[in-house]
Amino acid sequence: MAIDRDQVCVFIPTLNEEPTIGTLVHEFMEMGYPHVFVMDGNSSDNTLEVARAAGAEVTIQEGKGKGAAIIESVGHFTRPYILMLDGDGTYLPEDADKMVAPLFEGYDHVIGNRLIAPDKDALSRLNLFGNRIINEMFRIVHGRHLGDILSGYRAFTLEGIREMRLTEPGFVIETEMAVESLRNEQKIDIVQVSYVSRPGTATKLRPFHDGGKIIAALYRLARRNNPLFYFGLIGGLITFFGLITGIYVVWEWLNGIEHIPLTILTALLIMGGIQVFMFGILSDIIYANQQELRNEIQNLQHDISQNERR
């Protein structure tokens, strides 16, 4: 299906991207993407002026962080398709057409996978290893491998991004978008994209600090998409500690020593762990029923729209 670039809003969240934003906007304009929207996080350099001079529509965000920029921008989108990328020059406009093409074929969410063949200096070995570990953890927790859940190069339908319940203000937003896309059963495509070293701006990422926050978010967001894993892990840990104390209590009892308070604690831990695990099972059943009801509503809405067109 042919791509109508006039139907695409190129969305670029920025923070101190003066060396790269002008070139980036110019390249998209030259490629035939006339609608470029920049949400700026109160840059201290000339990012705003450079972006406006290049022809972009620029708005200053109220909140702080990349996630806040994306959340605030949703209300500004009017085009049916959105192409999102970072403003630091690490993603290339040359990949834009293949990023938005799946949207015109019926996909809701496209993720640009930069981990297949990044430039030699674009990602350190530590960052590359960390990204792959996080993607594997995402597969385990949320049940699907999406290639590169931390990618900043994405494309959405307007309806697709509006139905996401986004709350994370910082870099965790990409992880939340992937979780929300799965929760809403969106049709997701993964496209290989280039990833190059930063041409003039320093990285804002802190590998260990931000990596820890992302891993914590993977588990926290499981409440929405995989409650059995979320509550099951808590219940399993509580039961495990109960079994450890229980082994100690039994060993001491066999040697003629009684620990009544510890015995009571052991029983409480084991019973409490089992109850939390059962709560996870019930939550998973409720979640499955909600998804089934959601699908029925969507099918009904589709049938109604088809009948109206006739």
C-alpha atoms as a PDB file:
ATOM      1  CA  MET A   1       0.000   0.000   0.000  1.00  0.00           C
ATOM      2  CA  ALA A   2       1.296   3.481  -0.894  1.00  0.00           C
ATOM      3  CA  ILE A   3       2.441   5.788   1.895  1.00  0.00           C
ATOM      4  CA  ASP A   4       0.729   9.149   2.237  1.00  0.00           C
ATOM      5  CA  ARG A   5       3.346  11.220   4.081  1.00  0.00           C
ATOM      6  CA  ASP A   6       0.885  14.083   4.529  1.00  0.00           C
ATOM      7  CA  GLN A   7      -1.072  11.835   6.912  1.00  0.00           C
ATOM      8  CA  VAL A   8       1.956  11.342   9.157  1.00  0.00           C
ATOM      9  CA  CYS A   9       3.004  13.532  12.081  1.00  0.00           C
ATOM     10  CA  VAL A  10       6.731  13.249  12.773  1.00  0.00           C
ATOM     11  CA  PHE A  11       7.004  13.643  16.544  1.00  0.00           C
ATOM     12  CA  ILE A  12      10.357  14.514  18.141  1.00  0.00           C
ATOM     13  CA  PRO A  13      10.712  14.962  21.929  1.00  0.00           C
ATOM     14  CA  THR A  14      13.801  17.084  22.643  1.00  0.00           C
ATOM     15  CA  LEU A  15      16.027  18.341  25.422  1.00  0.00           C
ATOM     16  CA  ASN A  16      19.123  20.337  24.444  1.00  0.00           C
ATOM     17  CA  GLU A  17      19.371  18.951  20.901  1.00  0.00           C
ATOM     18  CA  GLU A  18      20.589  22.151  19.196  1.00  0.00           C
ATOM     19  CA  PRO A  19      23.407  20.449  17.197  1.00  0.00           C
ATOM     20  CA  THR A  20      21.059  17.914  15.555  1.00  0.00           C
ATOM     21  CA  ILE A  21      17.427  19.049  15.556  1.00  0.00           C
ATOM     22  CA  GLY A  22      17.680  21.484  12.628  1.00  0.00           C
ATOM     23  CA  THR A  23      19.226  18.926  10.278  1.00  0.00           C
ATOM     24  CA  LEU A  24      16.734  16.309  11.392  1.00  0.00           C
ATOM     25  CA  VAL A  25      13.710  18.517  10.679  1.00  0.00           C
ATOM     26  CA  HIS A  26      15.144  19.618   7.310  1.00  0.00           C
ATOM     27  CA  GLU A  27      15.693  16.019   6.227  1.00  0.00           C
ATOM     28  CA  PHE A  28      12.127  15.031   7.033  1.00  0.00           C
ATOM     29  CA  MET A  29      10.806  18.067   5.158  1.00  0.00           C
ATOM     30  CA  GLU A  30      12.931  17.198   2.124  1.00  0.00           C
ATOM     31  CA  MET A  31      11.630  13.619   2.211  1.00  0.00           C
ATOM     32  CA  GLY A  32       8.051  14.884   1.962  1.00  0.00           C
ATOM     33  CA  TYR A  33       6.989  14.784   5.608  1.00  0.00           C
ATOM     34  CA  PRO A  34       5.549  18.298   6.055  1.00  0.00           C
ATOM     35  CA  HIS A  35       4.194  17.844   9.602  1.00  0.00           C
ATOM     36  CA  VAL A  36       6.982  17.821  12.176  1.00  0.00           C
ATOM     37  CA  PHE A  37       6.029  18.380  15.809  1.00  0.00           C
ATOM     38  CA  VAL A  38       8.642  19.010  18.500  1.00  0.00           C
ATOM     39  CA  MET A  39       7.812  18.757  22.202  1.00  0.00           C
ATOM     40  CA  ASP A  40      10.685  20.383  24.058  1.00  0.00           C
ATOM     41  CA  GLY A  41      11.562  19.690  27.682  1.00  0.00           C
ATOM     42  CA  ASN A  42      12.641  23.267  28.499  1.00  0.00           C
ATOM     43  CA  SER A  43      16.000  23.162  26.725  1.00  0.00           C
ATOM     44  CA  SER A  44      18.680  25.529  27.953  1.00  0.00           C
ATOM     45  CA  ASP A  45      20.246  25.878  24.501  1.00  0.00           C
ATOM     46  CA  ASN A  46      18.734  27.076  21.182  1.00  0.00           C
ATOM     47  CA  THR A  47      16.823  23.880  20.388  1.00  0.00           C
ATOM     48  CA  LEU A  48      13.474  25.694  20.139  1.00  0.00           C
ATOM     49  CA  GLU A  49      14.721  28.442  17.850  1.00  0.00           C
ATOM     50  CA  VAL A  50      16.563  26.024  15.570  1.00  0.00           C
ATOM     51  CA  ALA A  51      13.551  23.681  15.324  1.00  0.00           C
ATOM     52  CA  ARG A  52      11.159  26.548  14.507  1.00  0.00           C
ATOM     53  CA  ALA A  53      13.548  27.970  11.913  1.00  0.00           C
ATOM     54  CA  ALA A  54      13.690  24.559  10.244  1.00  0.00           C
ATOM     55  CA  GLY A  55       9.882  24.513   9.923  1.00  0.00           C
ATOM     56  CA  ALA A  56       8.750  22.413  12.873  1.00  0.00           C
ATOM     57  CA  GLU A  57       5.799  23.153  15.131  1.00  0.00           C
ATOM     58  CA  VAL A  58       7.268  23.530  18.619  1.00  0.00           C
ATOM     59  CA  THR A  59       5.610  23.281  22.037  1.00  0.00           C
ATOM     60  CA  ILE A  60       7.238  23.422  25.478  1.00  0.00           C
ATOM     61  CA  GLN A  61       6.183  20.639  27.816  1.00  0.00           C
ATOM     62  CA  GLU A  62       4.916  21.304  31.329  1.00  0.00           C
ATOM     63  CA  GLY A  63       6.249  18.175  32.987  1.00  0.00           C
ATOM     64  CA  LYS A  64       9.771  16.807  33.180  1.00  0.00           C
ATOM     65  CA  GLY A  65      11.159  13.812  31.331  1.00  0.00           C
ATOM     66  CA  LYS A  66      10.672  12.018  28.035  1.00  0.00           C
ATOM     67  CA  GLY A  67       7.605  10.166  29.246  1.00  0.00           C
ATOM     68  CA  ALA A  68       5.909  13.410  30.227  1.00  0.00           C
ATOM     69  CA  ALA A  69       6.699  14.818  26.765  1.00  0.00           C
ATOM     70  CA  ILE A  70       5.033  11.860  25.064  1.00  0.00           C
ATOM     71  CA  ILE A  71       1.997  11.894  27.352  1.00  0.00           C
ATOM     72  CA  GLU A  72       1.454  15.634  26.859  1.00  0.00           C
ATOM     73  CA  SER A  73       1.920  15.351  23.088  1.00  0.00           C
ATOM     74  CA  VAL A  74      -0.918  12.874  22.590  1.00  0.00           C
ATOM     75  CA  GLY A  75      -3.442  15.704  22.891  1.00  0.00           C
ATOM     76  CA  HIS A  76      -1.652  17.657  20.152  1.00  0.00           C
ATOM     77  CA  PHE A  77      -1.751  14.905  17.521  1.00  0.00           C
ATOM     78  CA  THR A  78      -4.269  15.384  14.722  1.00  0.00           C
ATOM     79  CA  ARG A  79      -2.821  13.244  11.924  1.00  0.00           C
ATOM     80  CA  PRO A  80      -3.944   9.585  11.759  1.00  0.00           C
ATOM     81  CA  TYR A  81      -0.361   8.298  11.949  1.00  0.00           C
ATOM     82  CA  ILE A  82       2.516   9.273  14.238  1.00  0.00           C
ATOM     83  CA  LEU A  83       6.221   8.597  13.724  1.00  0.00           C
ATOM     84  CA  MET A  84       8.276   9.140  16.900  1.00  0.00           C
ATOM     85  CA  LEU A  85      12.046   9.377  17.185  1.00  0.00           C
ATOM     86  CA  ASP A  86      14.654  10.981  19.426  1.00  0.00           C
ATOM     87  CA  GLY A  87      16.118  14.332  18.434  1.00  0.00           C
ATOM     88  CA  ASP A  88      19.753  13.434  19.075  1.00  0.00           C
ATOM     89  CA  GLY A  89      20.509  12.197  15.552  1.00  0.00           C
ATOM     90  CA  THR A  90      20.964   8.529  16.475  1.00  0.00           C
ATOM     91  CA  TYR A  91      17.953   7.483  14.358  1.00  0.00           C
ATOM     92  CA  LEU A  92      17.889   8.228  10.637  1.00  0.00           C
ATOM     93  CA  PRO A  93      15.056   9.817   8.607  1.00  0.00           C
ATOM     94  CA  GLU A  94      15.972   7.367   5.822  1.00  0.00           C
ATOM     95  CA  ASP A  95      14.190   4.648   7.823  1.00  0.00           C
ATOM     96  CA  ALA A  96      10.956   6.647   8.101  1.00  0.00           C
ATOM     97  CA  ASP A  97       9.139   5.111   5.123  1.00  0.00           C
ATOM     98  CA  LYS A  98       9.675   1.535   6.256  1.00  0.00           C
ATOM     99  CA  MET A  99       8.636   2.512   9.783  1.00  0.00           C
ATOM    100  CA  VAL A 100       5.270   3.969   8.752  1.00  0.00           C
ATOM    101  CA  ALA A 101       4.537   1.520   5.919  1.00  0.00           C
ATOM    102  CA  PRO A 102       3.107  -1.185   8.265  1.00  0.00           C
ATOM    103  CA  LEU A 103       0.617   1.366   9.652  1.00  0.00           C
ATOM    104  CA  PHE A 104      -0.907   1.726   6.197  1.00  0.00           C
ATOM    105  CA  GLU A 105      -1.180  -2.079   6.080  1.00  0.00           C
ATOM    106  CA  GLY A 106      -3.249  -2.295   9.278  1.00  0.00           C
ATOM    107  CA  TYR A 107      -0.678  -2.441  12.066  1.00  0.00           C
ATOM    108  CA  ASP A 108      -1.231  -0.346  15.208  1.00  0.00           C
ATOM    109  CA  HIS A 109       2.315  -0.084  16.566  1.00  0.00           C
ATOM    110  CA  VAL A 110       5.711  -0.374  14.866  1.00  0.00           C
ATOM    111  CA  ILE A 111       8.949  -0.776  16.813  1.00  0.00           C
ATOM    112  CA  GLY A 112      12.286   0.059  15.205  1.00  0.00           C
ATOM    113  CA  ASN A 113      14.784  -2.612  16.223  1.00  0.00           C
ATOM    114  CA  ARG A 114      18.229  -0.990  16.514  1.00  0.00           C
ATOM    115  CA  LEU A 115      19.924  -4.006  18.132  1.00  0.00           C
ATOM    116  CA  ILE A 116      20.348  -6.124  15.000  1.00  0.00           C
ATOM    117  CA  ALA A 117      23.158  -4.111  13.420  1.00  0.00           C
ATOM    118  CA  PRO A 118      23.975  -0.883  15.305  1.00  0.00           C
ATOM    119  CA  ASP A 119      27.020   1.180  14.344  1.00  0.00           C
ATOM    120  CA  LYS A 120      30.190   0.090  16.088  1.00  0.00           C
ATOM    121  CA  ASP A 121      30.380   3.183  18.310  1.00  0.00           C
ATOM    122  CA  ALA A 122      26.632   3.685  18.820  1.00  0.00           C
ATOM    123  CA  LEU A 123      26.213   1.203  21.676  1.00  0.00           C
ATOM    124  CA  SER A 124      28.850   0.052  24.128  1.00  0.00           C
ATOM    125  CA  ARG A 125      29.139  -3.648  24.888  1.00  0.00           C
ATOM    126  CA  LEU A 126      27.611  -2.967  28.286  1.00  0.00           C
ATOM    127  CA  ASN A 127      24.601  -1.151  26.786  1.00  0.00           C
ATOM    128  CA  LEU A 128      24.106  -3.806  24.117  1.00  0.00           C
ATOM    129  CA  PHE A 129      24.278  -6.598  26.700  1.00  0.00           C
ATOM    130  CA  GLY A 130      21.930  -4.728  29.031  1.00  0.00           C
ATOM    131  CA  ASN A 131      19.396  -4.132  26.255  1.00  0.00           C
ATOM    132  CA  ARG A 132      19.351  -7.808  25.346  1.00  0.00           C
ATOM    133  CA  ILE A 133      18.939  -8.868  28.976  1.00  0.00           C
ATOM    134  CA  ILE A 134      16.033  -6.437  29.432  1.00  0.00           C
ATOM    135  CA  ASN A 135      14.355  -7.657  26.236  1.00  0.00           C
ATOM    136  CA  GLU A 136      14.678 -11.257  27.394  1.00  0.00           C
ATOM    137  CA  MET A 137      13.216 -10.340  30.793  1.00  0.00           C
ATOM    138  CA  PHE A 138      10.335  -8.621  29.008  1.00  0.00           C
ATOM    139  CA  ARG A 139       9.674 -11.849  27.081  1.00  0.00           C
ATOM    140  CA  ILE A 140       9.627 -13.855  30.302  1.00  0.00           C
ATOM    141  CA  VAL A 141       7.414 -11.422  32.222  1.00  0.00           C
ATOM    142  CA  HIS A 142       5.027 -10.370  29.454  1.00  0.00           C
ATOM    143  CA  GLY A 143       5.068 -13.411  27.213  1.00  0.00           C
ATOM    144  CA  ARG A 144       6.273 -11.935  23.911  1.00  0.00           C
ATOM    145  CA  HIS A 145       9.588 -10.934  22.374  1.00  0.00           C
ATOM    146  CA  LEU A 146       9.361  -7.500  20.743  1.00  0.00           C
ATOM    147  CA  GLY A 147      12.939  -7.177  19.557  1.00  0.00           C
ATOM    148  CA  ASP A 148      13.860  -3.855  21.141  1.00  0.00           C
ATOM    149  CA  ILE A 149      11.403  -2.564  23.738  1.00  0.00           C
ATOM    150  CA  LEU A 150      13.670   0.391  24.598  1.00  0.00           C
ATOM    151  CA  SER A 151      13.786   1.710  21.050  1.00  0.00           C
ATOM    152  CA  GLY A 152      13.016   5.403  20.628  1.00  0.00           C
ATOM    153  CA  TYR A 153      12.037   4.941  16.970  1.00  0.00           C
ATOM    154  CA  ARG A 154       8.347   4.010  16.857  1.00  0.00           C
ATOM    155  CA  ALA A 155       5.232   4.523  14.795  1.00  0.00           C
ATOM    156  CA  PHE A 156       1.597   4.428  15.897  1.00  0.00           C
ATOM    157  CA  THR A 157      -1.862   4.963  14.651  1.00  0.00           C
ATOM    158  CA  LEU A 158      -3.560   7.862  16.414  1.00  0.00           C
ATOM    159  CA  GLU A 159      -6.172   5.498  17.816  1.00  0.00           C
ATOM    160  CA  GLY A 160      -3.450   3.112  18.963  1.00  0.00           C
ATOM    161  CA  ILE A 161      -1.504   5.633  21.024  1.00  0.00           C
ATOM    162  CA  ARG A 162      -4.655   7.201  22.466  1.00  0.00           C
ATOM    163  CA  GLU A 163      -5.852   3.902  23.904  1.00  0.00           C
ATOM    164  CA  MET A 164      -2.589   3.416  25.785  1.00  0.00           C
ATOM    165  CA  ARG A 165      -2.780   4.250  29.494  1.00  0.00           C
ATOM    166  CA  LEU A 166       0.589   5.963  29.861  1.00  0.00           C
ATOM    167  CA  THR A 167       1.782   7.230  33.247  1.00  0.00           C
ATOM    168  CA  GLU A 168       5.591   6.891  33.373  1.00  0.00           C
ATOM    169  CA  PRO A 169       7.305  10.318  33.155  1.00  0.00           C
ATOM    170  CA  GLY A 170      10.873   9.242  32.307  1.00  0.00           C
ATOM    171  CA  PHE A 171      12.783   6.790  30.112  1.00  0.00           C
ATOM    172  CA  VAL A 172      10.611   3.906  31.324  1.00  0.00           C
ATOM    173  CA  ILE A 173       7.924   5.189  28.928  1.00  0.00           C
ATOM    174  CA  GLU A 174       9.107   2.929  26.069  1.00  0.00           C
ATOM    175  CA  THR A 175       8.685  -0.126  28.286  1.00  0.00           C
ATOM    176  CA  GLU A 176       5.228   1.039  29.315  1.00  0.00           C
ATOM    177  CA  MET A 177       4.251   1.580  25.679  1.00  0.00           C
ATOM    178  CA  ALA A 178       5.223  -1.994  24.848  1.00  0.00           C
ATOM    179  CA  VAL A 179       3.218  -3.318  27.819  1.00  0.00           C
ATOM    180  CA  GLU A 180       0.192  -1.193  26.934  1.00  0.00           C
ATOM    181  CA  SER A 181       0.355  -2.306  23.328  1.00  0.00           C
ATOM    182  CA  LEU A 182       0.192  -5.937  24.428  1.00  0.00           C
ATOM    183  CA  ARG A 183      -2.532  -5.223  26.992  1.00  0.00           C
ATOM    184  CA  ASN A 184      -4.673  -3.627  24.290  1.00  0.00           C
ATOM    185  CA  GLU A 185      -3.894  -6.514  21.909  1.00  0.00           C
ATOM    186  CA  GLN A 186      -2.578  -4.173  19.261  1.00  0.00           C
ATOM    187  CA  LYS A 187      -1.117  -5.465  16.034  1.00  0.00           C
ATOM    188  CA  ILE A 188       2.643  -4.920  16.390  1.00  0.00           C
ATOM    189  CA  ASP A 189       5.333  -5.028  13.710  1.00  0.00           C
ATOM    190  CA  ILE A 190       9.102  -4.952  14.243  1.00  0.00           C
ATOM    191  CA  VAL A 191      11.323  -3.226  11.683  1.00  0.00           C
ATOM    192  CA  GLN A 192      15.123  -3.193  11.547  1.00  0.00           C
ATOM    193  CA  VAL A 193      16.490   0.358  11.700  1.00  0.00           C
ATOM    194  CA  SER A 194      19.924   1.962  11.762  1.00  0.00           C
ATOM    195  CA  TYR A 195      21.378   3.291  14.983  1.00  0.00           C
ATOM    196  CA  VAL A 196      24.377   5.609  14.782  1.00  0.00           C
ATOM    197  CA  SER A 197      26.619   7.307  17.311  1.00  0.00           C
ATOM    198  CA  ARG A 198      25.560  10.710  18.626  1.00  0.00           C
ATOM    199  CA  PRO A 199      26.909  13.418  16.340  1.00  0.00           C
ATOM    200  CA  GLY A 200      27.138  16.207  18.886  1.00  0.00           C
ATOM    201  CA  THR A 201      25.181  15.699  22.109  1.00  0.00           C
ATOM    202  CA  ALA A 202      26.042  13.841  25.298  1.00  0.00           C
ATOM    203  CA  THR A 203      23.941  10.868  26.324  1.00  0.00           C
ATOM    204  CA  LYS A 204      21.328  11.453  29.018  1.00  0.00           C
ATOM    205  CA  LEU A 205      21.178   7.779  29.975  1.00  0.00           C
ATOM    206  CA  ARG A 206      22.846   6.310  33.074  1.00  0.00           C
ATOM    207  CA  PRO A 207      23.208   2.578  32.302  1.00  0.00           C
ATOM    208  CA  PHE A 208      22.998   1.100  35.807  1.00  0.00           C
ATOM    209  CA  HIS A 209      20.577   3.631  37.304  1.00  0.00           C
ATOM    210  CA  ASP A 210      18.173   3.685  34.355  1.00  0.00           C
ATOM    211  CA  GLY A 211      18.586  -0.049  33.747  1.00  0.00           C
ATOM    212  CA  GLY A 212      17.539  -0.740  37.330  1.00  0.00           C
ATOM    213  CA  LYS A 213      14.491   1.494  36.953  1.00  0.00           C
ATOM    214  CA  ILE A 214      13.489  -0.270  33.735  1.00  0.00           C
ATOM    215  CA  ILE A 215      13.835  -3.734  35.288  1.00  0.00           C
ATOM    216  CA  ALA A 216      11.746  -2.632  38.279  1.00  0.00           C
ATOM    217  CA  ALA A 217       9.147  -1.227  35.874  1.00  0.00           C
ATOM    218  CA  LEU A 218       9.009  -4.521  33.957  1.00  0.00           C
ATOM    219  CA  TYR A 219       7.863  -6.234  37.117  1.00  0.00           C
ATOM    220  CA  ARG A 220       5.611  -3.397  38.303  1.00  0.00           C
ATOM    221  CA  LEU A 221       3.822  -3.191  34.945  1.00  0.00           C
ATOM    222  CA  ALA A 222       3.118  -6.916  35.053  1.00  0.00           C
ATOM    223  CA  ARG A 223       0.128  -6.036  37.246  1.00  0.00           C
ATOM    224  CA  ARG A 224      -1.604  -4.796  34.086  1.00  0.00           C
ATOM    225  CA  ASN A 225      -0.619  -7.482  31.633  1.00  0.00           C
ATOM    226  CA  ASN A 226       0.361 -10.575  33.650  1.00  0.00           C
ATOM    227  CA  PRO A 227      -1.092 -10.486  37.188  1.00  0.00           C
ATOM    228  CA  LEU A 228      -0.376 -14.181  37.722  1.00  0.00           C
ATOM    229  CA  PHE A 229       3.360 -13.523  37.343  1.00  0.00           C
ATOM    230  CA  TYR A 230       3.223 -10.396  39.505  1.00  0.00           C
ATOM    231  CA  PHE A 231       1.345 -11.906  42.455  1.00  0.00           C
ATOM    232  CA  GLY A 232       2.745 -15.385  41.889  1.00  0.00           C
ATOM    233  CA  LEU A 233       6.303 -14.144  42.379  1.00  0.00           C
ATOM    234  CA  ILE A 234       5.358 -12.378  45.616  1.00  0.00           C
ATOM    235  CA  GLY A 235       3.459 -15.416  46.867  1.00  0.00           C
ATOM    236  CA  GLY A 236       6.291 -17.738  45.868  1.00  0.00           C
ATOM    237  CA  LEU A 237       8.890 -15.680  47.753  1.00  0.00           C
ATOM    238  CA  ILE A 238       6.746 -15.524  50.901  1.00  0.00           C
ATOM    239  CA  THR A 239       6.144 -19.286  50.752  1.00  0.00           C
ATOM    240  CA  PHE A 240       9.853 -19.901  50.163  1.00  0.00           C
ATOM    241  CA  PHE A 241      10.831 -17.988  53.304  1.00  0.00           C
ATOM    242  CA  GLY A 242       8.131 -19.903  55.169  1.00  0.00           C
ATOM    243  CA  LEU A 243       9.620 -23.210  54.024  1.00  0.00           C
ATOM    244  CA  ILE A 244      13.117 -22.103  55.072  1.00  0.00           C
ATOM    245  CA  THR A 245      11.945 -21.250  58.582  1.00  0.00           C
ATOM    246  CA  GLY A 246       9.882 -24.453  58.597  1.00  0.00           C
ATOM    247  CA  ILE A 247      12.936 -26.587  57.837  1.00  0.00           C
ATOM    248  CA  TYR A 248      14.758 -24.919  60.717  1.00  0.00           C
ATOM    249  CA  VAL A 249      11.830 -25.451  63.089  1.00  0.00           C
ATOM    250  CA  VAL A 250      11.534 -29.148  62.176  1.00  0.00           C
ATOM    251  CA  TRP A 251      15.297 -29.696  62.510  1.00  0.00           C
ATOM    252  CA  GLU A 252      15.331 -28.086  65.947  1.00  0.00           C
ATOM    253  CA  TRP A 253      12.240 -30.083  67.008  1.00  0.00           C
ATOM    254  CA  LEU A 254      13.955 -33.326  66.032  1.00  0.00           C
ATOM    255  CA  ASN A 255      16.793 -32.281  68.331  1.00  0.00           C
ATOM    256  CA  GLY A 256      14.369 -31.648  71.183  1.00  0.00           C
ATOM    257  CA  ILE A 257      14.150 -27.877  70.892  1.00  0.00           C
ATOM    258  CA  GLU A 258      10.773 -26.172  70.355  1.00  0.00           C
ATOM    259  CA  HIS A 259      10.339 -22.728  68.774  1.00  0.00           C
ATOM    260  CA  ILE A 260       6.653 -21.904  69.225  1.00  0.00           C
ATOM    261  CA  PRO A 261       6.774 -18.271  67.981  1.00  0.00           C
ATOM    262  CA  LEU A 262       8.843 -19.300  64.941  1.00  0.00           C
ATOM    263  CA  THR A 263       6.449 -22.159  64.264  1.00  0.00           C
ATOM    264  CA  ILE A 264       3.545 -19.708  64.204  1.00  0.00           C
ATOM    265  CA  LEU A 265       5.501 -17.383  61.897  1.00  0.00           C
ATOM    266  CA  THR A 266       6.259 -20.310  59.567  1.00  0.00           C
ATOM    267  CA  ALA A 267       2.578 -21.235  59.331  1.00  0.00           C
ATOM    268  CA  LEU A 268       1.612 -17.613  58.667  1.00  0.00           C
ATOM    269  CA  LEU A 269       4.245 -17.233  55.942  1.00  0.00           C
ATOM    270  CA  ILE A 270       3.235 -20.410  54.136  1.00  0.00           C
ATOM    271  CA  MET A 271      -0.492 -19.682  54.362  1.00  0.00           C
ATOM    272  CA  GLY A 272       0.035 -16.050  53.395  1.00  0.00           C
ATOM    273  CA  GLY A 273       2.187 -16.996  50.409  1.00  0.00           C
ATOM    274  CA  ILE A 274      -0.397 -19.471  49.158  1.00  0.00           C
ATOM    275  CA  GLN A 275      -3.155 -16.880  49.544  1.00  0.00           C
ATOM    276  CA  VAL A 276      -1.203 -14.283  47.552  1.00  0.00           C
ATOM    277  CA  PHE A 277      -0.559 -16.884  44.842  1.00  0.00           C
ATOM    278  CA  MET A 278      -4.271 -17.749  44.730  1.00  0.00           C
ATOM    279  CA  PHE A 279      -5.046 -14.040  44.464  1.00  0.00           C
ATOM    280  CA  GLY A 280      -2.776 -13.997  41.418  1.00  0.00           C
ATOM    281  CA  ILE A 281      -4.741 -16.858  39.855  1.00  0.00           C
ATOM    282  CA  LEU A 282      -8.032 -15.049  40.474  1.00  0.00           C
ATOM    283  CA  SER A 283      -6.606 -11.800  39.076  1.00  0.00           C
ATOM    284  CA  ASP A 284      -5.445 -13.649  35.981  1.00  0.00           C
ATOM    285  CA  ILE A 285      -8.925 -15.121  35.472  1.00  0.00           C
ATOM    286  CA  ILE A 286     -10.490 -11.655  35.860  1.00  0.00           C
ATOM    287  CA  TYR A 287      -7.955 -10.204  33.418  1.00  0.00           C
ATOM    288  CA  ALA A 288      -8.707 -12.909  30.846  1.00  0.00           C
ATOM    289  CA  ASN A 289     -12.449 -12.246  31.183  1.00  0.00           C
ATOM    290  CA  GLN A 290     -11.858  -8.500  30.747  1.00  0.00           C
ATOM    291  CA  GLN A 291      -9.840  -9.121  27.585  1.00  0.00           C
ATOM    292  CA  GLU A 292     -12.575 -11.377  26.230  1.00  0.00           C
ATOM    293  CA  LEU A 293     -15.207  -8.725  26.994  1.00  0.00           C
ATOM    294  CA  ARG A 294     -13.002  -6.088  25.361  1.00  0.00           C
ATOM    295  CA  ASN A 295     -12.720  -8.198  22.219  1.00  0.00           C
ATOM    296  CA  GLU A 296     -16.481  -8.684  22.100  1.00  0.00           C
ATOM    297  CA  ILE A 297     -17.028  -4.914  22.399  1.00  0.00           C
ATOM    298  CA  GLN A 298     -14.484  -4.218  19.654  1.00  0.00           C
ATOM    299  CA  ASN A 299     -16.114  -6.788  17.379  1.00  0.00           C
ATOM    300  CA  LEU A 300     -19.515  -5.245  18.046  1.00  0.00           C
ATOM    301  CA  GLN A 301     -18.176  -1.755  17.281  1.00  0.00           C
ATOM    302  CA  HIS A 302     -16.639  -3.083  14.069  1.00  0.00           C
ATOM    303  CA  ASP A 303     -19.936  -4.676  13.002  1.00  0.00           C
ATOM    304  CA  ILE A 304     -21.825  -1.446  13.747  1.00  0.00           C
ATOM    305  CA  SER A 305     -19.351   0.652  11.722  1.00  0.00           C
ATOM    306  CA  GLN A 306     -19.563  -1.804   8.817  1.00  0.00           C
ATOM    307  CA  ASN A 307     -23.362  -1.612   8.847  1.00  0.00           C
ATOM    308  CA  GLU A 308     -23.270   2.206   8.939  1.00  0.00           C
ATOM    309  CA  ARG A 309     -21.019   2.261   5.884  1.00  0.00           C
ATOM    310  CA  ARG A 310     -23.516   0.118   4.009  1.00  0.00           C
END
